[in-house]
Amino acid sequence: MGHLGTPELIIILVIVVVIFGAGKLPELGGALGKGIKEFRSASKDIEGATKDVQEVADMAKIDKV
């Protein structure tokens, strides 16, 4: 449950084509790709910040000992 199979993806694609038209698909695909790229970039930034905070916390523990 929660996984999209081939039939579901085809139905979604048909609905998107009907709603937006075939001419808008490249524009929508580009916007979707850009959004995914920005999401991944933000995710990596958050991951890096989390590691930095953990390193500072570890150093603080070492200083207390």
PDB file of N, CA and C in Angstrom:
ATOM      1  N   MET A   1       0.844  -1.176   0.000  1.00  0.00           N
ATOM      2  CA  MET A   1       0.000   0.000   0.000  1.00  0.00           C
ATOM      3  C   MET A   1       0.891   1.241   0.000  1.00  0.00           C
ATOM      4  N   GLY A   2       0.543   2.221  -0.806  1.00  0.00           N
ATOM      5  CA  GLY A   2       1.327   3.436  -0.873  1.00  0.00           C
ATOM      6  C   GLY A   2       2.297   3.476  -2.034  1.00  0.00           C
ATOM      7  N   HIS A   3       2.480   2.357  -2.709  1.00  0.00           N
ATOM      8  CA  HIS A   3       3.382   2.315  -3.855  1.00  0.00           C
ATOM      9  C   HIS A   3       2.585   2.494  -5.135  1.00  0.00           C
ATOM     10  N   LEU A   4       3.143   3.245  -6.069  1.00  0.00           N
ATOM     11  CA  LEU A   4       2.491   3.456  -7.355  1.00  0.00           C
ATOM     12  C   LEU A   4       3.050   2.476  -8.370  1.00  0.00           C
ATOM     13  N   GLY A   5       2.165   1.732  -8.984  1.00  0.00           N
ATOM     14  CA  GLY A   5       2.569   0.811 -10.032  1.00  0.00           C
ATOM     15  C   GLY A   5       2.415   1.461 -11.393  1.00  0.00           C
ATOM     16  N   THR A   6       2.704   0.705 -12.426  1.00  0.00           N
ATOM     17  CA  THR A   6       2.613   1.208 -13.793  1.00  0.00           C
ATOM     18  C   THR A   6       1.202   1.666 -14.158  1.00  0.00           C
ATOM     19  N   PRO A   7       0.159   0.888 -13.847  1.00  0.00           N
ATOM     20  CA  PRO A   7      -1.192   1.351 -14.214  1.00  0.00           C
ATOM     21  C   PRO A   7      -1.567   2.680 -13.554  1.00  0.00           C
ATOM     22  N   GLU A   8      -1.185   2.845 -12.305  1.00  0.00           N
ATOM     23  CA  GLU A   8      -1.504   4.090 -11.604  1.00  0.00           C
ATOM     24  C   GLU A   8      -0.768   5.271 -12.222  1.00  0.00           C
ATOM     25  N   LEU A   9       0.501   5.063 -12.561  1.00  0.00           N
ATOM     26  CA  LEU A   9       1.277   6.140 -13.183  1.00  0.00           C
ATOM     27  C   LEU A   9       0.714   6.528 -14.543  1.00  0.00           C
ATOM     28  N   ILE A  10       0.252   5.550 -15.315  1.00  0.00           N
ATOM     29  CA  ILE A  10      -0.354   5.840 -16.617  1.00  0.00           C
ATOM     30  C   ILE A  10      -1.630   6.650 -16.439  1.00  0.00           C
ATOM     31  N   ILE A  11      -2.448   6.280 -15.473  1.00  0.00           N
ATOM     32  CA  ILE A  11      -3.689   7.023 -15.212  1.00  0.00           C
ATOM     33  C   ILE A  11      -3.368   8.457 -14.806  1.00  0.00           C
ATOM     34  N   ILE A  12      -2.382   8.637 -13.939  1.00  0.00           N
ATOM     35  CA  ILE A  12      -1.993   9.985 -13.512  1.00  0.00           C
ATOM     36  C   ILE A  12      -1.488  10.792 -14.700  1.00  0.00           C
ATOM     37  N   LEU A  13      -0.679  10.187 -15.561  1.00  0.00           N
ATOM     38  CA  LEU A  13      -0.159  10.874 -16.740  1.00  0.00           C
ATOM     39  C   LEU A  13      -1.286  11.299 -17.673  1.00  0.00           C
ATOM     40  N   VAL A  14      -2.263  10.423 -17.885  1.00  0.00           N
ATOM     41  CA  VAL A  14      -3.406  10.758 -18.745  1.00  0.00           C
ATOM     42  C   VAL A  14      -4.186  11.924 -18.154  1.00  0.00           C
ATOM     43  N   ILE A  15      -4.406  11.917 -16.861  1.00  0.00           N
ATOM     44  CA  ILE A  15      -5.139  13.009 -16.206  1.00  0.00           C
ATOM     45  C   ILE A  15      -4.374  14.323 -16.356  1.00  0.00           C
ATOM     46  N   VAL A  16      -3.057  14.286 -16.177  1.00  0.00           N
ATOM     47  CA  VAL A  16      -2.238  15.497 -16.317  1.00  0.00           C
ATOM     48  C   VAL A  16      -2.317  16.031 -17.740  1.00  0.00           C
ATOM     49  N   VAL A  17      -2.246  15.145 -18.731  1.00  0.00           N
ATOM     50  CA  VAL A  17      -2.327  15.576 -20.132  1.00  0.00           C
ATOM     51  C   VAL A  17      -3.686  16.192 -20.416  1.00  0.00           C
ATOM     52  N   VAL A  18      -4.747  15.599 -19.882  1.00  0.00           N
ATOM     53  CA  VAL A  18      -6.095  16.134 -20.111  1.00  0.00           C
ATOM     54  C   VAL A  18      -6.240  17.502 -19.456  1.00  0.00           C
ATOM     55  N   ILE A  19      -5.733  17.652 -18.253  1.00  0.00           N
ATOM     56  CA  ILE A  19      -5.893  18.915 -17.520  1.00  0.00           C
ATOM     57  C   ILE A  19      -5.032  20.026 -18.123  1.00  0.00           C
ATOM     58  N   PHE A  20      -3.764  19.761 -18.370  1.00  0.00           N
ATOM     59  CA  PHE A  20      -2.839  20.810 -18.784  1.00  0.00           C
ATOM     60  C   PHE A  20      -2.591  20.862 -20.286  1.00  0.00           C
ATOM     61  N   GLY A  21      -2.852  19.799 -20.978  1.00  0.00           N
ATOM     62  CA  GLY A  21      -2.577  19.758 -22.411  1.00  0.00           C
ATOM     63  C   GLY A  21      -1.150  19.325 -22.676  1.00  0.00           C
ATOM     64  N   ALA A  22      -0.932  18.743 -23.848  1.00  0.00           N
ATOM     65  CA  ALA A  22       0.388  18.206 -24.174  1.00  0.00           C
ATOM     66  C   ALA A  22       1.437  19.311 -24.321  1.00  0.00           C
ATOM     67  N   GLY A  23       1.029  20.511 -24.711  1.00  0.00           N
ATOM     68  CA  GLY A  23       1.975  21.608 -24.902  1.00  0.00           C
ATOM     69  C   GLY A  23       2.610  22.090 -23.616  1.00  0.00           C
ATOM     70  N   LYS A  24       1.927  21.942 -22.499  1.00  0.00           N
ATOM     71  CA  LYS A  24       2.436  22.416 -21.209  1.00  0.00           C
ATOM     72  C   LYS A  24       3.316  21.384 -20.506  1.00  0.00           C
ATOM     73  N   LEU A  25       3.335  20.151 -20.991  1.00  0.00           N
ATOM     74  CA  LEU A  25       4.080  19.103 -20.297  1.00  0.00           C
ATOM     75  C   LEU A  25       5.573  19.409 -20.148  1.00  0.00           C
ATOM     76  N   PRO A  26       6.261  19.892 -21.182  1.00  0.00           N
ATOM     77  CA  PRO A  26       7.687  20.205 -20.981  1.00  0.00           C
ATOM     78  C   PRO A  26       7.907  21.281 -19.912  1.00  0.00           C
ATOM     79  N   GLU A  27       7.036  22.266 -19.897  1.00  0.00           N
ATOM     80  CA  GLU A  27       7.138  23.334 -18.895  1.00  0.00           C
ATOM     81  C   GLU A  27       6.904  22.774 -17.492  1.00  0.00           C
ATOM     82  N   LEU A  28       5.891  21.925 -17.352  1.00  0.00           N
ATOM     83  CA  LEU A  28       5.600  21.320 -16.052  1.00  0.00           C
ATOM     84  C   LEU A  28       6.735  20.403 -15.610  1.00  0.00           C
ATOM     85  N   GLY A  29       7.284  19.644 -16.558  1.00  0.00           N
ATOM     86  CA  GLY A  29       8.399  18.757 -16.235  1.00  0.00           C
ATOM     87  C   GLY A  29       9.617  19.529 -15.770  1.00  0.00           C
ATOM     88  N   GLY A  30       9.894  20.643 -16.428  1.00  0.00           N
ATOM     89  CA  GLY A  30      11.024  21.481 -16.026  1.00  0.00           C
ATOM     90  C   GLY A  30      10.831  22.061 -14.637  1.00  0.00           C
ATOM     91  N   ALA A  31       9.614  22.519 -14.367  1.00  0.00           N
ATOM     92  CA  ALA A  31       9.323  23.076 -13.047  1.00  0.00           C
ATOM     93  C   ALA A  31       9.422  21.999 -11.971  1.00  0.00           C
ATOM     94  N   LEU A  32       8.943  20.808 -12.286  1.00  0.00           N
ATOM     95  CA  LEU A  32       9.023  19.703 -11.333  1.00  0.00           C
ATOM     96  C   LEU A  32      10.481  19.331 -11.068  1.00  0.00           C
ATOM     97  N   GLY A  33      11.274  19.249 -12.119  1.00  0.00           N
ATOM     98  CA  GLY A  33      12.694  18.933 -11.962  1.00  0.00           C
ATOM     99  C   GLY A  33      13.428  19.974 -11.136  1.00  0.00           C
ATOM    100  N   LYS A  34      13.112  21.244 -11.374  1.00  0.00           N
ATOM    101  CA  LYS A  34      13.740  22.325 -10.612  1.00  0.00           C
ATOM    102  C   LYS A  34      13.344  22.237  -9.139  1.00  0.00           C
ATOM    103  N   GLY A  35      12.087  21.940  -8.892  1.00  0.00           N
ATOM    104  CA  GLY A  35      11.622  21.804  -7.510  1.00  0.00           C
ATOM    105  C   GLY A  35      12.303  20.657  -6.788  1.00  0.00           C
ATOM    106  N   ILE A  36      12.460  19.529  -7.480  1.00  0.00           N
ATOM    107  CA  ILE A  36      13.133  18.378  -6.880  1.00  0.00           C
ATOM    108  C   ILE A  36      14.594  18.710  -6.587  1.00  0.00           C
ATOM    109  N   LYS A  37      15.240  19.416  -7.515  1.00  0.00           N
ATOM    110  CA  LYS A  37      16.643  19.801  -7.322  1.00  0.00           C
ATOM    111  C   LYS A  37      16.788  20.705  -6.099  1.00  0.00           C
ATOM    112  N   GLU A  38      15.891  21.678  -5.954  1.00  0.00           N
ATOM    113  CA  GLU A  38      15.941  22.583  -4.809  1.00  0.00           C
ATOM    114  C   GLU A  38      15.675  21.835  -3.506  1.00  0.00           C
ATOM    115  N   PHE A  39      14.749  20.879  -3.544  1.00  0.00           N
ATOM    116  CA  PHE A  39      14.444  20.089  -2.354  1.00  0.00           C
ATOM    117  C   PHE A  39      15.664  19.283  -1.921  1.00  0.00           C
ATOM    118  N   ARG A  40      16.329  18.642  -2.876  1.00  0.00           N
ATOM    119  CA  ARG A  40      17.521  17.854  -2.553  1.00  0.00           C
ATOM    120  C   ARG A  40      18.630  18.739  -1.997  1.00  0.00           C
ATOM    121  N   SER A  41      18.791  19.921  -2.582  1.00  0.00           N
ATOM    122  CA  SER A  41      19.816  20.844  -2.112  1.00  0.00           C
ATOM    123  C   SER A  41      19.537  21.271  -0.670  1.00  0.00           C
ATOM    124  N   ALA A  42      18.289  21.609  -0.393  1.00  0.00           N
ATOM    125  CA  ALA A  42      17.919  22.012   0.964  1.00  0.00           C
ATOM    126  C   ALA A  42      18.099  20.853   1.936  1.00  0.00           C
ATOM    127  N   SER A  43      17.772  19.658   1.496  1.00  0.00           N
ATOM    128  CA  SER A  43      17.928  18.473   2.335  1.00  0.00           C
ATOM    129  C   SER A  43      19.395  18.253   2.691  1.00  0.00           C
ATOM    130  N   LYS A  44      20.285  18.419   1.714  1.00  0.00           N
ATOM    131  CA  LYS A  44      21.718  18.263   1.972  1.00  0.00           C
ATOM    132  C   LYS A  44      22.221  19.349   2.916  1.00  0.00           C
ATOM    133  N   ASP A  45      21.707  20.576   2.758  1.00  0.00           N
ATOM    134  CA  ASP A  45      22.107  21.668   3.646  1.00  0.00           C
ATOM    135  C   ASP A  45      21.704  21.374   5.084  1.00  0.00           C
ATOM    136  N   ILE A  46      20.494  20.873   5.262  1.00  0.00           N
ATOM    137  CA  ILE A  46      20.007  20.547   6.604  1.00  0.00           C
ATOM    138  C   ILE A  46      20.833  19.413   7.196  1.00  0.00           C
ATOM    139  N   GLU A  47      21.144  18.418   6.375  1.00  0.00           N
ATOM    140  CA  GLU A  47      21.955  17.294   6.843  1.00  0.00           C
ATOM    141  C   GLU A  47      23.335  17.778   7.290  1.00  0.00           C
ATOM    142  N   GLY A  48      23.929  18.681   6.520  1.00  0.00           N
ATOM    143  CA  GLY A  48      25.235  19.224   6.888  1.00  0.00           C
ATOM    144  C   GLY A  48      25.175  20.024   8.175  1.00  0.00           C
ATOM    145  N   ALA A  49      24.125  20.815   8.335  1.00  0.00           N
ATOM    146  CA  ALA A  49      23.972  21.609   9.552  1.00  0.00           C
ATOM    147  C   ALA A  49      23.775  20.702  10.763  1.00  0.00           C
ATOM    148  N   THR A  50      23.032  19.627  10.582  1.00  0.00           N
ATOM    149  CA  THR A  50      22.805  18.681  11.670  1.00  0.00           C
ATOM    150  C   THR A  50      24.118  18.034  12.098  1.00  0.00           C
ATOM    151  N   LYS A  51      24.956  17.677  11.129  1.00  0.00           N
ATOM    152  CA  LYS A  51      26.258  17.083  11.455  1.00  0.00           C
ATOM    153  C   LYS A  51      27.132  18.085  12.200  1.00  0.00           C
ATOM    154  N   ASP A  52      27.085  19.351  11.781  1.00  0.00           N
ATOM    155  CA  ASP A  52      27.876  20.382  12.452  1.00  0.00           C
ATOM    156  C   ASP A  52      27.441  20.541  13.903  1.00  0.00           C
ATOM    157  N   VAL A  53      26.142  20.563  14.130  1.00  0.00           N
ATOM    158  CA  VAL A  53      25.619  20.708  15.491  1.00  0.00           C
ATOM    159  C   VAL A  53      26.029  19.506  16.332  1.00  0.00           C
ATOM    160  N   GLN A  54      25.967  18.312  15.759  1.00  0.00           N
ATOM    161  CA  GLN A  54      26.354  17.107  16.490  1.00  0.00           C
ATOM    162  C   GLN A  54      27.830  17.144  16.860  1.00  0.00           C
ATOM    163  N   GLU A  55      28.672  17.617  15.941  1.00  0.00           N
ATOM    164  CA  GLU A  55      30.105  17.714  16.230  1.00  0.00           C
ATOM    165  C   GLU A  55      30.368  18.693  17.371  1.00  0.00           C
ATOM    166  N   VAL A  56      29.669  19.814  17.376  1.00  0.00           N
ATOM    167  CA  VAL A  56      29.836  20.797  18.452  1.00  0.00           C
ATOM    168  C   VAL A  56      29.378  20.202  19.777  1.00  0.00           C
ATOM    169  N   ALA A  57      28.270  19.469  19.756  1.00  0.00           N
ATOM    170  CA  ALA A  57      27.774  18.841  20.978  1.00  0.00           C
ATOM    171  C   ALA A  57      28.762  17.793  21.485  1.00  0.00           C
ATOM    172  N   ASP A  58      29.349  17.033  20.577  1.00  0.00           N
ATOM    173  CA  ASP A  58      30.342  16.035  20.975  1.00  0.00           C
ATOM    174  C   ASP A  58      31.571  16.704  21.582  1.00  0.00           C
ATOM    175  N   MET A  59      32.002  17.824  21.004  1.00  0.00           N
ATOM    176  CA  MET A  59      33.153  18.549  21.545  1.00  0.00           C
ATOM    177  C   MET A  59      32.844  19.091  22.933  1.00  0.00           C
ATOM    178  N   ALA A  60      31.621  19.541  23.137  1.00  0.00           N
ATOM    179  CA  ALA A  60      31.231  20.060  24.448  1.00  0.00           C
ATOM    180  C   ALA A  60      31.263  18.944  25.489  1.00  0.00           C
ATOM    181  N   LYS A  61      30.863  17.743  25.113  1.00  0.00           N
ATOM    182  CA  LYS A  61      30.912  16.602  26.040  1.00  0.00           C
ATOM    183  C   LYS A  61      32.357  16.269  26.397  1.00  0.00           C
ATOM    184  N   ILE A  62      33.239  16.324  25.398  1.00  0.00           N
ATOM    185  CA  ILE A  62      34.650  16.012  25.634  1.00  0.00           C
ATOM    186  C   ILE A  62      35.265  17.048  26.573  1.00  0.00           C
ATOM    187  N   ASP A  63      34.903  18.323  26.399  1.00  0.00           N
ATOM    188  CA  ASP A  63      35.443  19.380  27.254  1.00  0.00           C
ATOM    189  C   ASP A  63      35.000  19.216  28.701  1.00  0.00           C
ATOM    190  N   LYS A  64      33.804  18.675  28.917  1.00  0.00           N
ATOM    191  CA  LYS A  64      33.290  18.492  30.278  1.00  0.00           C
ATOM    192  C   LYS A  64      34.009  17.362  30.997  1.00  0.00           C
ATOM    193  N   VAL A  65      34.527  16.424  30.247  1.00  0.00           N
ATOM    194  CA  VAL A  65      35.175  15.258  30.859  1.00  0.00           C
ATOM    195  C   VAL A  65      36.528  15.590  31.314  1.00  0.00           C
TER     196      VAL A  65
END
